[in-house]
Protein backbone atom coordinates (compact mmCIF):
# COMPACT_ATOMS: atom_id res chain seq x y z
CA UNK A 1 -57.75 -36.48 45.01
CA UNK A 2 -56.18 -33.11 44.33
CA UNK A 3 -58.13 -31.43 41.55
CA UNK A 4 -55.18 -29.14 40.88
CA UNK A 5 -52.74 -31.99 40.26
CA UNK A 6 -51.11 -31.32 36.87
CA UNK A 7 -51.69 -33.74 34.02
CA UNK A 8 -48.90 -35.03 31.79
CA UNK A 9 -49.43 -32.05 29.44
CA UNK A 10 -46.73 -29.44 29.62
CA UNK A 11 -47.76 -26.87 26.98
CA UNK A 12 -50.95 -25.62 28.59
CA UNK A 13 -52.32 -22.08 28.20
CA UNK A 14 -51.27 -21.00 31.71
CA UNK A 15 -47.75 -22.41 31.21
CA UNK A 16 -47.30 -20.56 27.91
CA UNK A 17 -48.73 -17.29 29.27
CA UNK A 18 -46.62 -17.31 32.42
CA UNK A 19 -43.50 -18.16 30.42
CA UNK A 20 -44.11 -15.11 28.21
CA UNK A 21 -44.68 -12.95 31.31
CA UNK A 22 -41.40 -14.16 32.78
CA UNK A 23 -39.62 -13.26 29.55
CA UNK A 24 -41.05 -9.73 29.57
CA UNK A 25 -40.15 -9.17 33.24
CA UNK A 26 -36.54 -10.23 32.78
CA UNK A 27 -36.27 -8.48 29.41
CA UNK A 28 -37.15 -5.23 31.19
CA UNK A 29 -34.41 -5.91 33.74
CA UNK A 30 -31.70 -6.92 31.29
CA UNK A 31 -32.32 -4.19 28.70
CA UNK A 32 -31.36 -1.54 31.24
CA UNK A 33 -28.95 -3.46 33.45
CA UNK A 34 -26.34 -3.79 30.71
CA UNK A 35 -26.68 -0.11 29.74
CA UNK A 36 -26.42 1.39 33.23
CA UNK A 37 -22.62 1.21 33.62
CA UNK A 38 -21.88 3.30 30.52
CA UNK A 39 -24.83 5.65 31.22
CA UNK A 40 -23.84 6.22 34.85
CA UNK A 41 -20.17 6.77 34.00
CA UNK A 42 -21.04 9.27 31.29
CA UNK A 43 -23.67 11.23 33.24
CA UNK A 44 -22.29 11.22 36.79
CA UNK A 45 -18.53 10.83 36.06
CA UNK A 46 -17.93 8.10 38.67
CA UNK A 47 -15.55 5.11 38.90
CA UNK A 48 -16.13 1.39 38.37
CA UNK A 49 -16.78 0.66 42.05
CA UNK A 50 -19.54 3.29 42.23
CA UNK A 51 -20.97 2.00 38.95
CA UNK A 52 -21.16 -1.49 40.46
CA UNK A 53 -23.43 -0.13 43.22
CA UNK A 54 -26.15 0.43 40.62
CA UNK A 55 -26.30 -3.34 40.17
CA UNK A 56 -25.62 -4.28 43.78
CA UNK A 57 -28.24 -2.14 45.53
CA UNK A 58 -30.92 -3.41 43.16
CA UNK A 59 -29.94 -7.04 43.81
CA UNK A 60 -29.85 -6.59 47.59
CA UNK A 61 -33.26 -4.90 47.50
CA UNK A 62 -34.71 -7.73 45.40
CA UNK A 63 -33.29 -10.36 47.76
CA UNK A 64 -34.80 -8.70 50.84
CA UNK A 65 -38.14 -8.27 49.07
CA UNK A 66 -38.35 -11.95 48.17
CA UNK A 67 -38.18 -12.91 51.84
CA UNK A 68 -41.01 -10.47 52.54
CA UNK A 69 -42.99 -11.77 49.56
CA UNK A 70 -42.74 -15.35 50.84
CA UNK A 71 -44.49 -14.17 54.01
CA UNK A 72 -47.03 -12.03 52.13
CA UNK A 73 -48.13 -15.02 50.01
CA UNK A 74 -49.79 -16.47 53.14
CA UNK A 75 -51.74 -13.24 53.76
CA UNK A 76 -52.46 -11.70 50.35
CA UNK A 77 -53.64 -12.99 47.01
CA UNK A 78 -50.74 -13.84 44.72
CA UNK A 79 -52.34 -11.91 41.87
CA UNK A 80 -52.46 -8.73 43.97
CA UNK A 81 -48.77 -9.06 44.92
CA UNK A 82 -47.84 -9.70 41.29
CA UNK A 83 -49.74 -6.66 39.98
CA UNK A 84 -48.24 -4.37 42.64
CA UNK A 85 -44.76 -5.59 41.76
CA UNK A 86 -45.26 -5.10 38.02
CA UNK A 87 -46.67 -1.60 38.53
CA UNK A 88 -43.73 -0.54 40.73
CA UNK A 89 -41.17 -1.98 38.29
CA UNK A 90 -42.82 -0.29 35.31
CA UNK A 91 -43.17 3.15 36.94
CA UNK A 92 -39.61 3.22 38.27
CA UNK A 93 -38.22 2.13 34.90
CA UNK A 94 -40.04 4.97 33.16
CA UNK A 95 -38.61 7.66 35.47
CA UNK A 96 -34.95 6.52 35.62
CA UNK A 97 -33.96 9.38 33.32
CA UNK A 98 -35.21 11.93 35.87
CA UNK A 99 -32.48 11.02 38.36
CA UNK A 100 -30.24 14.07 38.78
CA UNK A 101 -27.67 12.54 41.14
CA UNK A 102 -26.12 9.17 41.83
CA UNK A 103 -27.98 9.13 45.16
CA UNK A 104 -31.42 9.56 43.58
CA UNK A 105 -30.60 6.90 40.97
CA UNK A 106 -29.59 4.43 43.69
CA UNK A 107 -32.86 5.15 45.53
CA UNK A 108 -34.75 4.34 42.34
CA UNK A 109 -32.78 1.11 41.98
CA UNK A 110 -33.84 0.10 45.50
CA UNK A 111 -37.51 0.77 44.63
CA UNK A 112 -37.16 -1.14 41.37
CA UNK A 113 -35.65 -4.07 43.29
CA UNK A 114 -38.78 -4.16 45.45
CA UNK A 115 -41.09 -4.37 42.43
CA UNK A 116 -38.89 -6.87 40.61
CA UNK A 117 -38.44 -9.00 43.72
CA UNK A 118 -42.19 -9.32 44.21
CA UNK A 119 -42.89 -10.15 40.56
CA UNK A 120 -40.01 -12.57 40.07
CA UNK A 121 -41.09 -14.55 43.15
CA UNK A 122 -44.76 -14.86 42.20
CA UNK A 123 -44.46 -15.85 38.51
CA UNK A 124 -42.34 -19.02 39.00
CA UNK A 125 -44.39 -19.92 42.07
CA UNK A 126 -47.47 -19.88 39.85
CA UNK A 127 -45.87 -21.97 37.10
CA UNK A 128 -44.12 -24.75 39.06
CA UNK A 129 -47.33 -26.51 40.27
CA UNK A 130 -48.67 -26.79 36.69
CA UNK A 131 -45.55 -28.63 35.44
CA UNK A 132 -45.93 -32.44 35.55
CA UNK A 133 -43.58 -33.74 38.25
CA UNK A 134 -41.96 -36.32 35.96
CA UNK A 135 -41.19 -33.57 33.43
CA UNK A 136 -39.90 -31.04 35.95
CA UNK A 137 -36.45 -30.75 34.35
CA UNK A 138 -37.91 -30.34 30.88
CA UNK A 139 -40.61 -27.93 32.05
CA UNK A 140 -38.21 -25.73 34.01
CA UNK A 141 -35.87 -25.89 31.03
CA UNK A 142 -38.50 -24.39 28.75
CA UNK A 143 -39.80 -21.95 31.36
CA UNK A 144 -36.27 -20.90 32.24
CA UNK A 145 -35.57 -20.36 28.56
CA UNK A 146 -37.63 -17.19 28.95
CA UNK A 147 -35.15 -15.93 31.54
CA UNK A 148 -32.09 -16.98 29.55
CA UNK A 149 -33.44 -15.46 26.35
CA UNK A 150 -34.06 -12.19 28.18
CA UNK A 151 -30.61 -12.32 29.76
CA UNK A 152 -29.08 -12.81 26.32
CA UNK A 153 -31.07 -10.57 23.95
CA UNK A 154 -31.91 -7.92 26.58
CA UNK A 155 -28.36 -6.54 26.95
CA UNK A 156 -27.91 -6.49 23.18
CA UNK A 157 -31.20 -4.63 22.65
CA UNK A 158 -30.46 -2.25 25.51
CA UNK A 159 -26.94 -1.37 24.35
CA UNK A 160 -28.02 -0.82 20.74
CA UNK A 161 -31.09 1.21 21.72
CA UNK A 162 -29.09 3.45 24.04
CA UNK A 163 -26.40 4.01 21.40
CA UNK A 164 -28.93 4.98 18.72
CA UNK A 165 -31.81 6.60 20.63
CA UNK A 166 -30.50 7.50 24.07
CA UNK A 167 -31.19 6.30 27.60
CA UNK A 168 -34.55 8.10 27.89
CA UNK A 169 -36.05 6.15 24.99
CA UNK A 170 -34.60 2.94 26.39
CA UNK A 171 -36.24 3.57 29.78
CA UNK A 172 -39.68 4.21 28.26
CA UNK A 173 -39.38 1.08 26.09
CA UNK A 174 -38.36 -0.97 29.13
CA UNK A 175 -41.38 0.29 31.06
CA UNK A 176 -43.74 -0.59 28.21
CA UNK A 177 -42.21 -4.07 28.04
CA UNK A 178 -42.91 -4.97 31.66
CA UNK A 179 -46.38 -3.36 31.66
CA UNK A 180 -47.40 -5.72 28.82
CA UNK A 181 -47.69 -8.38 31.53
CA UNK A 182 -50.97 -6.82 32.72
CA UNK A 183 -53.03 -7.57 29.58
CA UNK A 184 -51.43 -11.00 29.14
CA UNK A 185 -52.36 -12.08 32.67
CA UNK A 186 -55.83 -10.55 32.37
CA UNK A 187 -56.70 -12.03 28.96
CA UNK A 188 -55.17 -15.48 29.53
CA UNK A 189 -56.55 -15.86 33.08
CA UNK A 190 -53.38 -17.80 33.85
CA UNK A 191 -53.37 -17.15 37.61
CA UNK A 192 -54.85 -20.27 39.24
CA UNK A 193 -57.09 -20.16 42.33
CA UNK A 194 -55.35 -19.55 45.65
CA UNK A 195 -54.12 -22.84 47.16
CA UNK A 196 -55.84 -24.23 50.22
CA UNK A 197 -53.34 -24.23 53.09
CA UNK A 198 -53.92 -27.51 54.84
CA UNK A 199 -52.09 -29.63 57.36
CA UNK A 200 -49.41 -30.80 54.94
CA UNK A 201 -48.52 -27.24 53.97
CA UNK A 202 -48.38 -26.15 57.60
CA UNK A 203 -46.16 -29.08 58.47
CA UNK A 204 -43.75 -28.17 55.75
CA UNK A 205 -43.68 -24.53 56.80
CA UNK A 206 -43.02 -25.56 60.39
CA UNK A 207 -40.05 -27.71 59.40
CA UNK A 208 -37.21 -25.50 58.19
CA UNK A 209 -34.91 -28.53 57.83
CA UNK A 210 -37.00 -29.68 54.86
CA UNK A 211 -35.46 -26.86 52.82
CA UNK A 212 -31.85 -27.64 53.81
CA UNK A 213 -31.35 -29.43 50.50
CA UNK A 214 -31.65 -26.06 48.74
CA UNK A 215 -28.48 -24.55 50.17
CA UNK A 216 -25.87 -26.41 48.13
CA UNK A 217 -27.41 -25.87 44.67
CA UNK A 218 -28.04 -22.23 45.65
CA UNK A 219 -24.32 -21.86 46.44
CA UNK A 220 -23.44 -23.23 43.00
CA UNK A 221 -25.83 -20.73 41.42
CA UNK A 222 -24.05 -17.90 43.27
CA UNK A 223 -20.72 -18.91 41.67
CA UNK A 224 -22.31 -18.98 38.21
CA UNK A 225 -24.05 -15.63 38.72
CA UNK A 226 -20.76 -13.93 39.61
CA UNK A 227 -19.51 -14.69 36.09
CA UNK A 228 -22.70 -13.30 34.58
CA UNK A 229 -22.35 -10.15 36.68
CA UNK A 230 -18.96 -9.51 35.07
CA UNK A 231 -20.57 -9.71 31.63
CA UNK A 232 -23.49 -7.46 32.48
CA UNK A 233 -21.50 -4.80 34.30
CA UNK A 234 -18.33 -4.57 32.27
CA UNK A 235 -18.48 -6.16 28.82
CA UNK A 236 -19.38 -2.85 27.13
CA UNK A 237 -16.42 -1.18 28.84
CA UNK A 238 -14.21 -4.19 28.02
CA UNK A 239 -15.19 -3.83 24.36
CA UNK A 240 -14.08 -0.21 24.39
CA UNK A 241 -10.75 -1.15 25.97
CA UNK A 242 -9.93 -3.68 23.22
CA UNK A 243 -11.52 -1.67 20.39
CA UNK A 244 -14.39 -4.08 19.69
CA UNK A 245 -17.24 -1.83 18.58
CA UNK A 246 -19.88 -4.59 18.38
CA UNK A 247 -19.15 -6.30 21.67
CA UNK A 248 -22.92 -6.51 22.29
CA UNK A 249 -22.94 -9.36 19.74
CA UNK A 250 -21.64 -11.54 22.58
CA UNK A 251 -25.22 -11.75 23.84
CA UNK A 252 -26.62 -12.57 20.39
CA UNK A 253 -24.35 -15.57 19.86
CA UNK A 254 -24.77 -16.54 23.49
CA UNK A 255 -28.51 -16.92 23.01
CA UNK A 256 -28.07 -19.22 20.00
CA UNK A 257 -26.55 -22.00 22.08
CA UNK A 258 -28.90 -21.28 25.01
CA UNK A 259 -31.93 -21.91 22.78
CA UNK A 260 -30.41 -25.17 21.57
CA UNK A 261 -29.18 -26.52 24.91
CA UNK A 262 -32.00 -25.57 27.32
CA UNK A 263 -34.50 -28.31 26.34
CA UNK A 264 -31.73 -30.88 25.87
CA UNK A 265 -30.16 -30.27 29.27
CA UNK A 266 -33.59 -30.52 30.95
CA UNK A 267 -34.22 -33.96 29.45
CA UNK A 268 -30.73 -35.13 30.43
CA UNK A 269 -31.39 -34.01 34.00
CA UNK A 270 -34.72 -35.90 34.09
CA UNK A 271 -33.04 -39.11 32.87
CA UNK A 272 -29.50 -39.03 34.32
CA UNK A 273 -29.45 -36.46 37.14
CA UNK A 274 -27.57 -33.20 37.59
CA UNK A 275 -23.98 -34.50 37.44
CA UNK A 276 -24.36 -35.37 33.75
CA UNK A 277 -25.21 -31.71 33.06
CA UNK A 278 -23.30 -29.61 35.57
CA UNK A 279 -19.75 -30.89 35.13
CA UNK A 280 -19.42 -30.42 31.33
CA UNK A 281 -21.44 -27.19 31.48
CA UNK A 282 -19.19 -25.68 34.15
CA UNK A 283 -16.13 -26.50 32.03
CA UNK A 284 -17.75 -24.62 29.13
CA UNK A 285 -18.30 -21.49 31.24
CA UNK A 286 -14.77 -21.63 32.61
CA UNK A 287 -13.30 -21.94 29.10
CA UNK A 288 -15.51 -19.08 27.90
CA UNK A 289 -14.27 -16.70 30.60
CA UNK A 290 -10.61 -17.55 29.96
CA UNK A 291 -11.04 -17.09 26.20
CA UNK A 292 -12.89 -13.80 26.70
CA UNK A 293 -10.04 -12.46 28.82
CA UNK A 294 -7.70 -12.88 25.82
CA UNK A 295 -10.20 -11.71 23.20
CA UNK A 296 -8.93 -9.14 20.72
CA UNK A 297 -11.03 -10.04 17.67
CA UNK A 298 -14.66 -10.77 16.79
CA UNK A 299 -14.12 -14.52 16.08
CA UNK A 300 -12.70 -15.01 19.58
CA UNK A 301 -15.63 -13.09 21.07
CA UNK A 302 -18.12 -15.28 19.17
CA UNK A 303 -16.52 -18.56 20.30
CA UNK A 304 -16.48 -17.30 23.89
CA UNK A 305 -20.18 -16.39 23.61
CA UNK A 306 -21.14 -19.79 22.17
CA UNK A 307 -19.30 -21.59 24.96
CA UNK A 308 -20.91 -19.41 27.62
CA UNK A 309 -24.36 -20.08 26.21
CA UNK A 310 -23.77 -23.85 26.31
CA UNK A 311 -22.68 -23.71 29.94
CA UNK A 312 -24.99 -21.06 31.35
CA UNK A 313 -28.02 -22.38 29.44
CA UNK A 314 -27.46 -25.84 30.94
CA UNK A 315 -26.55 -24.95 34.52
CA UNK A 316 -29.34 -22.54 35.46
CA UNK A 317 -32.39 -24.72 34.62
CA UNK A 318 -30.68 -27.79 36.08
CA UNK A 319 -30.06 -26.04 39.40
CA UNK A 320 -33.63 -24.68 39.54
CA UNK A 321 -35.16 -28.09 38.72
CA UNK A 322 -32.86 -29.71 41.30
CA UNK A 323 -34.07 -27.27 43.96
CA UNK A 324 -37.73 -27.86 43.09
CA UNK A 325 -37.29 -31.62 43.28
CA UNK A 326 -35.62 -31.19 46.66
CA UNK A 327 -38.80 -29.74 48.17
CA UNK A 328 -42.48 -30.69 48.33
CA UNK A 329 -44.88 -28.64 46.20
CA UNK A 330 -45.98 -26.59 49.21
CA UNK A 331 -42.43 -25.20 49.42
CA UNK A 332 -41.91 -24.49 45.73
CA UNK A 333 -42.30 -20.79 46.51
CA UNK A 334 -39.39 -21.05 48.94
CA UNK A 335 -37.32 -22.98 46.41
CA UNK A 336 -37.96 -20.46 43.64
CA UNK A 337 -37.28 -17.57 46.02
CA UNK A 338 -33.94 -19.05 47.05
CA UNK A 339 -33.00 -19.78 43.43
CA UNK A 340 -33.60 -16.20 42.28
CA UNK A 341 -32.10 -14.80 45.48
CA UNK A 342 -28.91 -16.77 44.88
CA UNK A 343 -28.83 -15.39 41.34
CA UNK A 344 -29.22 -11.80 42.53
CA UNK A 345 -26.76 -12.31 45.38
CA UNK A 346 -24.16 -13.63 42.95
CA UNK A 347 -24.78 -10.67 40.63
CA UNK A 348 -24.51 -8.23 43.55
CA UNK A 349 -21.28 -9.54 45.06
CA UNK A 350 -19.90 -10.17 41.58
CA UNK A 351 -20.40 -6.55 40.62
CA UNK A 352 -18.59 -5.39 43.76
CA UNK A 353 -15.73 -7.92 43.67
CA UNK A 354 -15.13 -7.78 39.93
CA UNK A 355 -15.56 -4.01 39.93
CA UNK A 356 -12.79 -3.70 42.51
CA UNK A 357 -10.58 -6.12 40.57
CA UNK A 358 -11.10 -4.27 37.28
CA UNK A 359 -10.13 -0.99 38.94
CA UNK A 360 -6.82 -2.53 40.03
CA UNK A 361 -5.94 -4.82 37.12
CA UNK A 362 -8.11 -4.03 34.08
CA UNK A 363 -11.01 -5.87 32.47
CA UNK A 364 -9.05 -8.72 30.86
CA UNK A 365 -7.50 -9.86 34.15
CA UNK A 366 -10.88 -9.40 35.81
CA UNK A 367 -12.41 -12.03 33.50
CA UNK A 368 -9.64 -14.46 34.48
CA UNK A 369 -10.65 -13.99 38.10
CA UNK A 370 -14.23 -14.58 36.97
CA UNK A 371 -13.10 -17.90 35.49
CA UNK A 372 -11.72 -18.73 38.93
CA UNK A 373 -15.27 -18.72 40.34
CA UNK A 374 -16.23 -21.45 37.88
CA UNK A 375 -13.14 -23.42 38.83
CA UNK A 376 -14.35 -23.16 42.42
CA UNK A 377 -17.81 -24.30 41.21
CA UNK A 378 -16.24 -27.42 39.69
CA UNK A 379 -14.08 -28.25 42.71
CA UNK A 380 -16.95 -27.87 45.20
CA UNK A 381 -19.38 -29.84 43.06
CA UNK A 382 -16.97 -32.69 42.31
CA UNK A 383 -16.25 -33.12 46.04
CA UNK A 384 -20.01 -33.20 46.68
CA UNK A 385 -20.50 -35.74 43.87
CA UNK A 386 -17.72 -37.99 45.20
CA UNK A 387 -19.10 -37.80 48.75
CA UNK A 388 -22.58 -38.70 47.51
CA UNK A 389 -21.15 -41.66 45.61
CA UNK A 390 -19.44 -42.94 48.75
CA UNK A 391 -22.72 -42.79 50.68
CA UNK A 392 -24.38 -44.81 47.93
CA UNK A 393 -21.63 -47.45 47.96
CA UNK A 394 -21.87 -47.67 51.75
CA UNK A 395 -25.53 -48.56 51.47
CA UNK A 396 -27.01 -45.17 52.43
CA UNK A 397 -29.83 -44.34 50.04
CA UNK A 398 -29.40 -40.76 48.78
CA UNK A 399 -32.38 -38.45 48.61
CA UNK A 400 -34.27 -38.77 45.36
CA UNK A 401 -33.96 -35.03 44.97
CA UNK A 402 -30.20 -35.33 44.68
CA UNK A 403 -30.55 -37.67 41.75
């Protein structure tokens, strides 16, 4: 009997502590990520494509680091990797204001990506084994709420803080936020003992085909993340172009529907599978992007934000839970790594593609192109869903993970 097998309880002390740590890590990221475009443009006098590199080089660095972290987990204690990652992220955040050229700032973004990549791989890897398997959708929904909350309130906090107190104060506050993880981990003792790597774990590691079921949901997450990249990188500049002074309120109203829908979508996934969540949620995101592209008033911005929260808050936890169910527990680290890598990859390529589009067409048309990525999401997923249904009707039992 496995003494570490989780009980039916979800709200344990380690689960709560790690969820708070995840919120603080992503809050640090999002507070500054939304503020960088305006800061970089003002300080270094560069164009949209160069501004997009600030997001892209970080994301690429984080992606590469996660692959390295997956290998390090087998050789180093997870707690050590986590603490190194947090320390690097905190230190780099604190010294962002010292960058005196776009080159030095990009170098700092690469270093920050290393710290963030290590931390964001370890925390979900620690939390997934303590979630009861039959409540995986619900558990990931609540855990992922920490990420979604940070992605929603972080940009609003960051934009307002930079406008009122300057980028230097924002950087110091961001550093303090991520460094709070140290006392929380220490006092809660929420890092479980290192797992014993036995024959089953080795067999899984030796069989790369066992993770093939992760590729399709990861692709869907890339499409979604491209739309989020457009919001992070350009919504402040879009607000200036249409004379909306409080455009940061998009993230406030976005978080309202995220808080409501996250637990609901997780329970729907547990009972009915991912199709019942992903199709209506993707339509919500698509409608949000189209509406945003025509926004010229605060009511239109609010409706767009509410729709985006419904869609984004449903899709992300569903995809992550789907990926975790597609792999045995010994590969949950791989599943989590691929989920967050697909998010960062979507943000990176989204910043580059949408940055180029905005330079040629303007921000409004750019958001219509962003909506096109969600249309592609829907088309690809519906074809997958139909193909899976045909296999079922032909008597081929689909994998339980693709429920």
